[in-house]
Amino acid sequence: MDLGAGFFVKLEPFLLMSKSAKGAAAAKLILDATGSPGVFVFGELLDVPGIQELSQNEQYRGHHRLLQLFAYGTFEDYLREKETFPPLNNAHIVKLKHLSLVSLAMGRRVLPYETLLTSLEMPTIRDLEDLIIDAIYLDVIRGKLDQKEQQFEVEYTMGRDLAPGKIEGVLAALQAWANTTSSVLSTLDAKLVQLSSQAEIKTSKQAAYDKELNATLKHVMEKQREAKLGKRDATKMSFSPPTGPRVDKDRDAMDTDDPMEGKGKNRKAPDSSARPLQRKRNRF
């Protein structure tokens, strides 16, 4: 749940009572609401007709100013005009300091202890840290105490009521923020269009490159296939037999005259029964 989301619920009982409250009853209602635990927004109560009438009442004008102080003022405002407000008890003072801490945190993300000690009139750092811790538990502010650097780092704060005439400044700030946001979005849209166009061009170039590469590879493979086929045909032609008449080498060999023929006609054929010569073994 967002900070301050449940504060309006705690203000509702006072809104119901304020519808019939006038004069002293309305003044007492303001004191009760500003001192009540958990009530930190008062804009709706300021709009009640019976409460607004107090601003014209000399006797209770200070009570109406007190309600304005708790709605959008600070503790420093109280110290400057203390005599114009009705007497406050400790609960009023502590709550006003919590609200002042919220106002300070809305303007800066880092609050030095030195600044807070002066603005909130805290006697010691320990008292200041206790006040901040209480505000965190009350859910009016979130952050981290940095004791080493002596500062409070703000994360979130509740929203406070706007003083009369301040809403124009808020609207102007919101309009400036909207214009800046619109300008940033327009720049981002243009950048996205540019990146999309560049991506399409890159994709187109890559497709053309892939197509050309595939065509080149196909051409190279066809050339290699043709070269292999041509080499195979040439090999077959180099080993093909002659087409002329075949020469019978065996017959030619038989027809050739033996040069020894006729020279040994009167020689006796060797005796196949003769004993083969035996070779003597040399004895050592």
C-alpha atoms as a PDB file:
ATOM      1  CA  MET A   1       0.000   0.000   0.000  1.00  0.00           C
ATOM      2  CA  ASP A   2       1.250   3.515  -0.842  1.00  0.00           C
ATOM      3  CA  LEU A   3       2.398   5.882   1.863  1.00  0.00           C
ATOM      4  CA  GLY A   4      -0.493   7.893   3.322  1.00  0.00           C
ATOM      5  CA  ALA A   5      -3.150   5.746   1.628  1.00  0.00           C
ATOM      6  CA  GLY A   6      -4.884   5.013   4.964  1.00  0.00           C
ATOM      7  CA  PHE A   7      -4.661   8.507   6.451  1.00  0.00           C
ATOM      8  CA  PHE A   8      -7.943   9.689   4.946  1.00  0.00           C
ATOM      9  CA  VAL A   9      -9.775   6.850   6.709  1.00  0.00           C
ATOM     10  CA  LYS A  10      -8.567   8.169  10.066  1.00  0.00           C
ATOM     11  CA  LEU A  11      -9.748  11.652   9.162  1.00  0.00           C
ATOM     12  CA  GLU A  12     -13.312  10.551   8.341  1.00  0.00           C
ATOM     13  CA  PRO A  13     -14.679  10.649  11.935  1.00  0.00           C
ATOM     14  CA  PHE A  14     -13.614  14.294  12.230  1.00  0.00           C
ATOM     15  CA  LEU A  15     -15.196  15.094   8.866  1.00  0.00           C
ATOM     16  CA  LEU A  16     -18.511  13.660  10.052  1.00  0.00           C
ATOM     17  CA  MET A  17     -18.427  15.701  13.257  1.00  0.00           C
ATOM     18  CA  SER A  18     -17.399  18.884  11.441  1.00  0.00           C
ATOM     19  CA  LYS A  19     -20.646  19.002   9.432  1.00  0.00           C
ATOM     20  CA  SER A  20     -22.562  20.246  12.479  1.00  0.00           C
ATOM     21  CA  ALA A  21     -19.674  21.915  14.360  1.00  0.00           C
ATOM     22  CA  LYS A  22     -19.471  25.685  14.612  1.00  0.00           C
ATOM     23  CA  GLY A  23     -17.602  28.225  16.702  1.00  0.00           C
ATOM     24  CA  ALA A  24     -16.020  26.728  19.823  1.00  0.00           C
ATOM     25  CA  ALA A  25     -16.991  23.187  18.808  1.00  0.00           C
ATOM     26  CA  ALA A  26     -15.266  23.601  15.461  1.00  0.00           C
ATOM     27  CA  ALA A  27     -12.175  25.060  17.163  1.00  0.00           C
ATOM     28  CA  LYS A  28     -11.993  22.115  19.581  1.00  0.00           C
ATOM     29  CA  LEU A  29     -12.447  19.735  16.659  1.00  0.00           C
ATOM     30  CA  ILE A  30      -9.365  21.255  15.003  1.00  0.00           C
ATOM     31  CA  LEU A  31      -7.285  20.748  18.139  1.00  0.00           C
ATOM     32  CA  ASP A  32      -8.453  17.151  18.410  1.00  0.00           C
ATOM     33  CA  ALA A  33      -7.787  16.353  14.747  1.00  0.00           C
ATOM     34  CA  THR A  34      -4.323  17.913  14.650  1.00  0.00           C
ATOM     35  CA  GLY A  35      -3.292  16.088  17.818  1.00  0.00           C
ATOM     36  CA  SER A  36      -4.875  12.739  16.958  1.00  0.00           C
ATOM     37  CA  PRO A  37      -2.448   9.871  16.191  1.00  0.00           C
ATOM     38  CA  GLY A  38      -2.380   8.763  12.569  1.00  0.00           C
ATOM     39  CA  VAL A  39      -4.095  11.832  11.092  1.00  0.00           C
ATOM     40  CA  PHE A  40      -1.663  13.542   8.704  1.00  0.00           C
ATOM     41  CA  VAL A  41      -3.883  15.032   5.972  1.00  0.00           C
ATOM     42  CA  PHE A  42      -6.319  17.899   6.599  1.00  0.00           C
ATOM     43  CA  GLY A  43      -7.313  19.311   3.208  1.00  0.00           C
ATOM     44  CA  GLU A  44     -10.856  17.895   3.311  1.00  0.00           C
ATOM     45  CA  LEU A  45     -11.392  19.278   6.779  1.00  0.00           C
ATOM     46  CA  LEU A  46     -10.322  22.743   5.611  1.00  0.00           C
ATOM     47  CA  ASP A  47     -13.053  22.656   2.947  1.00  0.00           C
ATOM     48  CA  VAL A  48     -15.875  22.169   5.460  1.00  0.00           C
ATOM     49  CA  PRO A  49     -17.994  25.371   5.641  1.00  0.00           C
ATOM     50  CA  GLY A  50     -18.145  25.380   9.452  1.00  0.00           C
ATOM     51  CA  ILE A  51     -14.337  25.234   9.602  1.00  0.00           C
ATOM     52  CA  GLN A  52     -13.903  27.934   6.993  1.00  0.00           C
ATOM     53  CA  GLU A  53     -16.088  30.297   9.021  1.00  0.00           C
ATOM     54  CA  LEU A  54     -13.464  30.295  11.773  1.00  0.00           C
ATOM     55  CA  SER A  55     -11.119  32.308   9.551  1.00  0.00           C
ATOM     56  CA  GLN A  56     -13.554  35.240   9.942  1.00  0.00           C
ATOM     57  CA  ASN A  57     -13.953  34.754  13.692  1.00  0.00           C
ATOM     58  CA  GLU A  58     -11.559  36.918  15.684  1.00  0.00           C
ATOM     59  CA  GLN A  59     -11.626  34.585  18.689  1.00  0.00           C
ATOM     60  CA  TYR A  60     -10.934  31.335  16.763  1.00  0.00           C
ATOM     61  CA  ARG A  61      -8.965  32.603  13.826  1.00  0.00           C
ATOM     62  CA  GLY A  62      -5.800  31.098  15.300  1.00  0.00           C
ATOM     63  CA  HIS A  63      -7.381  27.637  15.266  1.00  0.00           C
ATOM     64  CA  HIS A  64      -8.067  27.957  11.559  1.00  0.00           C
ATOM     65  CA  ARG A  65      -4.458  29.027  10.983  1.00  0.00           C
ATOM     66  CA  LEU A  66      -3.356  26.042  13.057  1.00  0.00           C
ATOM     67  CA  LEU A  67      -5.251  23.698  10.759  1.00  0.00           C
ATOM     68  CA  GLN A  68      -3.586  25.338   7.773  1.00  0.00           C
ATOM     69  CA  LEU A  69      -0.207  24.918   9.452  1.00  0.00           C
ATOM     70  CA  PHE A  70      -0.735  21.176   9.854  1.00  0.00           C
ATOM     71  CA  ALA A  71      -2.098  20.864   6.334  1.00  0.00           C
ATOM     72  CA  TYR A  72       0.864  22.384   4.452  1.00  0.00           C
ATOM     73  CA  GLY A  73       3.085  24.289   6.912  1.00  0.00           C
ATOM     74  CA  THR A  74       6.303  23.384   8.738  1.00  0.00           C
ATOM     75  CA  PHE A  75       7.746  23.615  12.208  1.00  0.00           C
ATOM     76  CA  GLU A  76       9.804  26.629  11.145  1.00  0.00           C
ATOM     77  CA  ASP A  77       6.559  28.402  10.150  1.00  0.00           C
ATOM     78  CA  TYR A  78       5.227  27.677  13.620  1.00  0.00           C
ATOM     79  CA  LEU A  79       8.320  29.104  15.294  1.00  0.00           C
ATOM     80  CA  ARG A  80       8.104  32.341  13.256  1.00  0.00           C
ATOM     81  CA  GLU A  81       4.444  32.961  14.151  1.00  0.00           C
ATOM     82  CA  LYS A  82       4.099  31.071  17.389  1.00  0.00           C
ATOM     83  CA  GLU A  83       2.025  33.784  19.055  1.00  0.00           C
ATOM     84  CA  THR A  84      -0.721  33.552  16.426  1.00  0.00           C
ATOM     85  CA  PHE A  85      -1.520  29.908  17.204  1.00  0.00           C
ATOM     86  CA  PRO A  86      -3.293  28.389  20.195  1.00  0.00           C
ATOM     87  CA  PRO A  87      -1.104  26.550  22.736  1.00  0.00           C
ATOM     88  CA  LEU A  88       0.104  23.150  21.529  1.00  0.00           C
ATOM     89  CA  ASN A  89       0.904  20.044  23.536  1.00  0.00           C
ATOM     90  CA  ASN A  90       3.772  17.628  22.913  1.00  0.00           C
ATOM     91  CA  ALA A  91       1.703  15.435  20.556  1.00  0.00           C
ATOM     92  CA  HIS A  92       1.073  18.472  18.314  1.00  0.00           C
ATOM     93  CA  ILE A  93       4.747  19.413  18.296  1.00  0.00           C
ATOM     94  CA  VAL A  94       5.963  15.903  17.441  1.00  0.00           C
ATOM     95  CA  LYS A  95       3.399  15.499  14.654  1.00  0.00           C
ATOM     96  CA  LEU A  96       4.297  18.885  13.206  1.00  0.00           C
ATOM     97  CA  LYS A  97       7.961  17.870  13.168  1.00  0.00           C
ATOM     98  CA  HIS A  98       7.058  14.660  11.335  1.00  0.00           C
ATOM     99  CA  LEU A  99       5.146  16.669   8.743  1.00  0.00           C
ATOM    100  CA  SER A 100       8.059  19.091   8.441  1.00  0.00           C
ATOM    101  CA  LEU A 101      10.395  16.164   7.838  1.00  0.00           C
ATOM    102  CA  VAL A 102       8.125  15.079   4.987  1.00  0.00           C
ATOM    103  CA  SER A 103       8.221  18.569   3.451  1.00  0.00           C
ATOM    104  CA  LEU A 104      12.010  18.634   3.637  1.00  0.00           C
ATOM    105  CA  ALA A 105      12.249  15.163   2.102  1.00  0.00           C
ATOM    106  CA  MET A 106      10.017  16.209  -0.804  1.00  0.00           C
ATOM    107  CA  GLY A 107      12.646  18.742  -1.838  1.00  0.00           C
ATOM    108  CA  ARG A 108      15.826  16.709  -1.319  1.00  0.00           C
ATOM    109  CA  ARG A 109      16.799  13.058  -1.531  1.00  0.00           C
ATOM    110  CA  VAL A 110      19.572  13.362   1.039  1.00  0.00           C
ATOM    111  CA  LEU A 111      19.000  15.281   4.271  1.00  0.00           C
ATOM    112  CA  PRO A 112      22.105  16.047   6.348  1.00  0.00           C
ATOM    113  CA  TYR A 113      21.710  15.716  10.094  1.00  0.00           C
ATOM    114  CA  GLU A 114      22.976  19.264  10.504  1.00  0.00           C
ATOM    115  CA  THR A 115      20.098  20.653   8.433  1.00  0.00           C
ATOM    116  CA  LEU A 116      17.504  18.577  10.278  1.00  0.00           C
ATOM    117  CA  LEU A 117      18.857  19.497  13.697  1.00  0.00           C
ATOM    118  CA  THR A 118      18.431  23.172  12.863  1.00  0.00           C
ATOM    119  CA  SER A 119      15.078  22.974  11.069  1.00  0.00           C
ATOM    120  CA  LEU A 120      13.417  20.743  13.658  1.00  0.00           C
ATOM    121  CA  GLU A 121      15.194  22.145  16.744  1.00  0.00           C
ATOM    122  CA  MET A 122      16.355  18.740  17.908  1.00  0.00           C
ATOM    123  CA  PRO A 123      18.745  18.811  20.863  1.00  0.00           C
ATOM    124  CA  THR A 124      20.851  15.768  19.924  1.00  0.00           C
ATOM    125  CA  ILE A 125      21.476  13.423  17.014  1.00  0.00           C
ATOM    126  CA  ARG A 126      20.002  10.582  19.048  1.00  0.00           C
ATOM    127  CA  ASP A 127      16.730  12.515  19.455  1.00  0.00           C
ATOM    128  CA  LEU A 128      16.724  13.276  15.713  1.00  0.00           C
ATOM    129  CA  GLU A 129      17.222   9.627  14.764  1.00  0.00           C
ATOM    130  CA  ASP A 130      14.424   8.593  17.133  1.00  0.00           C
ATOM    131  CA  LEU A 131      12.130  11.141  15.479  1.00  0.00           C
ATOM    132  CA  ILE A 132      12.982   9.809  12.016  1.00  0.00           C
ATOM    133  CA  ILE A 133      12.495   6.196  13.111  1.00  0.00           C
ATOM    134  CA  ASP A 134       9.079   7.070  14.547  1.00  0.00           C
ATOM    135  CA  ALA A 135       8.126   8.733  11.252  1.00  0.00           C
ATOM    136  CA  ILE A 136       9.159   5.597   9.372  1.00  0.00           C
ATOM    137  CA  TYR A 137       7.012   3.425  11.648  1.00  0.00           C
ATOM    138  CA  LEU A 138       4.089   5.823  11.164  1.00  0.00           C
ATOM    139  CA  ASP A 139       4.487   5.264   7.404  1.00  0.00           C
ATOM    140  CA  VAL A 140       4.865   8.934   6.522  1.00  0.00           C
ATOM    141  CA  ILE A 141       8.362   8.520   5.123  1.00  0.00           C
ATOM    142  CA  ARG A 142      10.802   5.812   4.095  1.00  0.00           C
ATOM    143  CA  GLY A 143      14.549   5.919   3.912  1.00  0.00           C
ATOM    144  CA  LYS A 144      17.828   4.893   5.477  1.00  0.00           C
ATOM    145  CA  LEU A 145      19.812   6.417   8.306  1.00  0.00           C
ATOM    146  CA  ASP A 146      23.476   6.779   7.427  1.00  0.00           C
ATOM    147  CA  GLN A 147      25.198   7.311  10.760  1.00  0.00           C
ATOM    148  CA  LYS A 148      28.652   7.241   9.209  1.00  0.00           C
ATOM    149  CA  GLU A 149      27.883  10.105   6.820  1.00  0.00           C
ATOM    150  CA  GLN A 150      25.516  11.777   9.297  1.00  0.00           C
ATOM    151  CA  GLN A 151      22.592  11.976   6.880  1.00  0.00           C
ATOM    152  CA  PHE A 152      19.168  10.543   6.073  1.00  0.00           C
ATOM    153  CA  GLU A 153      18.695   9.049   2.592  1.00  0.00           C
ATOM    154  CA  VAL A 154      15.086   9.474   1.441  1.00  0.00           C
ATOM    155  CA  GLU A 155      13.328   6.759  -0.543  1.00  0.00           C
ATOM    156  CA  TYR A 156       9.609   7.699  -0.430  1.00  0.00           C
ATOM    157  CA  THR A 157       7.381  10.187   1.335  1.00  0.00           C
ATOM    158  CA  MET A 158       3.653  10.645   1.764  1.00  0.00           C
ATOM    159  CA  GLY A 159       1.923  13.485  -0.045  1.00  0.00           C
ATOM    160  CA  ARG A 160       0.893  16.635   1.792  1.00  0.00           C
ATOM    161  CA  ASP A 161      -1.930  19.077   1.117  1.00  0.00           C
ATOM    162  CA  LEU A 162      -1.214  22.007  -1.179  1.00  0.00           C
ATOM    163  CA  ALA A 163      -1.328  25.581   0.017  1.00  0.00           C
ATOM    164  CA  PRO A 164      -3.581  28.018  -1.869  1.00  0.00           C
ATOM    165  CA  GLY A 165      -1.911  29.190  -5.077  1.00  0.00           C
ATOM    166  CA  LYS A 166       0.482  26.255  -5.153  1.00  0.00           C
ATOM    167  CA  ILE A 167      -1.583  24.092  -7.423  1.00  0.00           C
ATOM    168  CA  GLU A 168      -0.720  26.262 -10.452  1.00  0.00           C
ATOM    169  CA  GLY A 169       2.961  25.633  -9.831  1.00  0.00           C
ATOM    170  CA  VAL A 170       2.336  21.897  -9.522  1.00  0.00           C
ATOM    171  CA  LEU A 171       0.349  21.882 -12.749  1.00  0.00           C
ATOM    172  CA  ALA A 172       3.121  23.787 -14.510  1.00  0.00           C
ATOM    173  CA  ALA A 173       5.687  21.308 -13.240  1.00  0.00           C
ATOM    174  CA  LEU A 174       3.513  18.394 -14.365  1.00  0.00           C
ATOM    175  CA  GLN A 175       3.030  20.000 -17.777  1.00  0.00           C
ATOM    176  CA  ALA A 176       6.782  20.492 -18.135  1.00  0.00           C
ATOM    177  CA  TRP A 177       7.327  16.889 -17.131  1.00  0.00           C
ATOM    178  CA  ALA A 178       4.696  15.748 -19.656  1.00  0.00           C
ATOM    179  CA  ASN A 179       6.354  17.803 -22.418  1.00  0.00           C
ATOM    180  CA  THR A 180       9.750  16.379 -21.590  1.00  0.00           C
ATOM    181  CA  THR A 181       8.345  12.868 -21.514  1.00  0.00           C
ATOM    182  CA  SER A 182       6.605  13.404 -24.851  1.00  0.00           C
ATOM    183  CA  SER A 183       9.840  14.689 -26.372  1.00  0.00           C
ATOM    184  CA  VAL A 184      11.773  11.709 -25.064  1.00  0.00           C
ATOM    185  CA  LEU A 185       9.146   9.300 -26.387  1.00  0.00           C
ATOM    186  CA  SER A 186       9.215  10.985 -29.804  1.00  0.00           C
ATOM    187  CA  THR A 187      12.999  10.673 -29.895  1.00  0.00           C
ATOM    188  CA  LEU A 188      12.771   7.021 -28.908  1.00  0.00           C
ATOM    189  CA  ASP A 189      10.136   6.351 -31.591  1.00  0.00           C
ATOM    190  CA  ALA A 190      12.328   7.968 -34.245  1.00  0.00           C
ATOM    191  CA  LYS A 191      15.285   5.932 -33.064  1.00  0.00           C
ATOM    192  CA  LEU A 192      13.238   2.735 -33.192  1.00  0.00           C
ATOM    193  CA  VAL A 193      12.139   3.529 -36.764  1.00  0.00           C
ATOM    194  CA  GLN A 194      15.756   4.160 -37.740  1.00  0.00           C
ATOM    195  CA  LEU A 195      16.927   0.926 -36.141  1.00  0.00           C
ATOM    196  CA  SER A 196      14.102  -0.990 -37.811  1.00  0.00           C
ATOM    197  CA  SER A 197      15.055   0.458 -41.208  1.00  0.00           C
ATOM    198  CA  GLN A 198      18.697  -0.396 -40.655  1.00  0.00           C
ATOM    199  CA  ALA A 199      17.728  -3.933 -39.651  1.00  0.00           C
ATOM    200  CA  GLU A 200      15.671  -4.362 -42.834  1.00  0.00           C
ATOM    201  CA  ILE A 201      18.543  -3.088 -44.991  1.00  0.00           C
ATOM    202  CA  LYS A 202      20.969  -5.413 -43.237  1.00  0.00           C
ATOM    203  CA  THR A 203      18.601  -8.355 -43.686  1.00  0.00           C
ATOM    204  CA  SER A 204      18.192  -7.542 -47.387  1.00  0.00           C
ATOM    205  CA  LYS A 205      21.953  -7.285 -47.908  1.00  0.00           C
ATOM    206  CA  GLN A 206      22.517 -10.533 -46.062  1.00  0.00           C
ATOM    207  CA  ALA A 207      19.893 -12.298 -48.204  1.00  0.00           C
ATOM    208  CA  ALA A 208      21.525 -10.997 -51.412  1.00  0.00           C
ATOM    209  CA  TYR A 209      24.937 -12.073 -50.164  1.00  0.00           C
ATOM    210  CA  ASP A 210      23.679 -15.542 -49.259  1.00  0.00           C
ATOM    211  CA  LYS A 211      22.033 -15.900 -52.661  1.00  0.00           C
ATOM    212  CA  GLU A 212      25.221 -14.911 -54.479  1.00  0.00           C
ATOM    213  CA  LEU A 213      27.298 -17.174 -52.274  1.00  0.00           C
ATOM    214  CA  ASN A 214      25.035 -20.155 -52.919  1.00  0.00           C
ATOM    215  CA  ALA A 215      25.136 -19.490 -56.682  1.00  0.00           C
ATOM    216  CA  THR A 216      28.937 -19.312 -56.611  1.00  0.00           C
ATOM    217  CA  LEU A 217      29.204 -22.530 -54.604  1.00  0.00           C
ATOM    218  CA  LYS A 218      26.838 -24.273 -56.991  1.00  0.00           C
ATOM    219  CA  HIS A 219      28.858 -23.101 -59.989  1.00  0.00           C
ATOM    220  CA  VAL A 220      32.115 -24.285 -58.391  1.00  0.00           C
ATOM    221  CA  MET A 221      30.638 -27.704 -57.592  1.00  0.00           C
ATOM    222  CA  GLU A 222      29.389 -28.100 -61.162  1.00  0.00           C
ATOM    223  CA  LYS A 223      32.820 -27.222 -62.524  1.00  0.00           C
ATOM    224  CA  GLN A 224      34.434 -29.739 -60.191  1.00  0.00           C
ATOM    225  CA  ARG A 225      31.939 -32.411 -61.262  1.00  0.00           C
ATOM    226  CA  GLU A 226      32.618 -31.703 -64.967  1.00  0.00           C
ATOM    227  CA  ALA A 227      36.360 -31.833 -64.349  1.00  0.00           C
ATOM    228  CA  LYS A 228      36.071 -35.241 -62.656  1.00  0.00           C
ATOM    229  CA  LEU A 229      33.930 -36.622 -65.483  1.00  0.00           C
ATOM    230  CA  GLY A 230      36.408 -35.360 -68.117  1.00  0.00           C
ATOM    231  CA  LYS A 231      39.343 -36.935 -66.304  1.00  0.00           C
ATOM    232  CA  ARG A 232      37.543 -40.283 -66.034  1.00  0.00           C
ATOM    233  CA  ASP A 233      36.780 -40.318 -69.783  1.00  0.00           C
ATOM    234  CA  ALA A 234      40.405 -39.509 -70.632  1.00  0.00           C
ATOM    235  CA  THR A 235      41.580 -42.402 -68.438  1.00  0.00           C
ATOM    236  CA  LYS A 236      39.302 -44.851 -70.208  1.00  0.00           C
ATOM    237  CA  MET A 237      40.593 -43.748 -73.608  1.00  0.00           C
ATOM    238  CA  SER A 238      44.269 -44.211 -72.642  1.00  0.00           C
ATOM    239  CA  PHE A 239      43.713 -47.890 -71.707  1.00  0.00           C
ATOM    240  CA  SER A 240      41.513 -48.963 -74.652  1.00  0.00           C
ATOM    241  CA  PRO A 241      42.871 -51.992 -76.813  1.00  0.00           C
ATOM    242  CA  PRO A 242      44.125 -51.463 -80.427  1.00  0.00           C
ATOM    243  CA  THR A 243      41.589 -51.893 -83.173  1.00  0.00           C
ATOM    244  CA  GLY A 244      43.971 -53.690 -85.707  1.00  0.00           C
ATOM    245  CA  PRO A 245      44.545 -57.470 -86.187  1.00  0.00           C
ATOM    246  CA  ARG A 246      45.779 -59.364 -83.164  1.00  0.00           C
ATOM    247  CA  VAL A 247      49.278 -60.798 -83.252  1.00  0.00           C
ATOM    248  CA  ASP A 248      49.611 -64.331 -81.865  1.00  0.00           C
ATOM    249  CA  LYS A 249      52.928 -64.215 -80.086  1.00  0.00           C
ATOM    250  CA  ASP A 250      52.802 -67.902 -79.118  1.00  0.00           C
ATOM    251  CA  ARG A 251      52.414 -68.998 -82.727  1.00  0.00           C
ATOM    252  CA  ASP A 252      55.215 -66.763 -83.829  1.00  0.00           C
ATOM    253  CA  ALA A 253      57.389 -68.228 -81.158  1.00  0.00           C
ATOM    254  CA  MET A 254      56.618 -71.751 -82.379  1.00  0.00           C
ATOM    255  CA  ASP A 255      57.346 -70.830 -85.960  1.00  0.00           C
ATOM    256  CA  THR A 256      60.757 -69.450 -85.115  1.00  0.00           C
ATOM    257  CA  ASP A 257      63.621 -71.863 -86.108  1.00  0.00           C
ATOM    258  CA  ASP A 258      65.682 -73.299 -83.255  1.00  0.00           C
ATOM    259  CA  PRO A 259      69.300 -72.325 -83.876  1.00  0.00           C
ATOM    260  CA  MET A 260      70.472 -75.557 -82.273  1.00  0.00           C
ATOM    261  CA  GLU A 261      68.331 -77.667 -84.498  1.00  0.00           C
ATOM    262  CA  GLY A 262      70.503 -80.004 -86.640  1.00  0.00           C
ATOM    263  CA  LYS A 263      73.683 -79.545 -84.707  1.00  0.00           C
ATOM    264  CA  GLY A 264      73.243 -82.426 -82.333  1.00  0.00           C
ATOM    265  CA  LYS A 265      71.648 -85.055 -84.473  1.00  0.00           C
ATOM    266  CA  ASN A 266      74.445 -87.581 -83.968  1.00  0.00           C
ATOM    267  CA  ARG A 267      74.799 -86.909 -80.276  1.00  0.00           C
ATOM    268  CA  LYS A 268      73.681 -89.565 -77.924  1.00  0.00           C
ATOM    269  CA  ALA A 269      70.883 -88.765 -75.636  1.00  0.00           C
ATOM    270  CA  PRO A 270      71.857 -88.758 -72.088  1.00  0.00           C
ATOM    271  CA  ASP A 271      71.309 -91.968 -70.144  1.00  0.00           C
ATOM    272  CA  SER A 272      68.603 -91.404 -67.711  1.00  0.00           C
ATOM    273  CA  SER A 273      69.683 -94.456 -65.733  1.00  0.00           C
ATOM    274  CA  ALA A 274      73.147 -93.155 -65.074  1.00  0.00           C
ATOM    275  CA  ARG A 275      73.852 -92.350 -61.501  1.00  0.00           C
ATOM    276  CA  PRO A 276      74.084 -88.777 -60.751  1.00  0.00           C
ATOM    277  CA  LEU A 277      77.456 -87.532 -59.763  1.00  0.00           C
ATOM    278  CA  GLN A 278      77.992 -87.271 -56.110  1.00  0.00           C
ATOM    279  CA  ARG A 279      79.933 -84.460 -54.736  1.00  0.00           C
ATOM    280  CA  LYS A 280      82.488 -85.290 -52.112  1.00  0.00           C
ATOM    281  CA  ARG A 281      82.309 -83.544 -48.939  1.00  0.00           C
ATOM    282  CA  ASN A 282      85.416 -81.874 -47.805  1.00  0.00           C
ATOM    283  CA  ARG A 283      86.445 -82.947 -44.412  1.00  0.00           C
ATOM    284  CA  PHE A 284      87.848 -80.413 -42.230  1.00  0.00           C
END
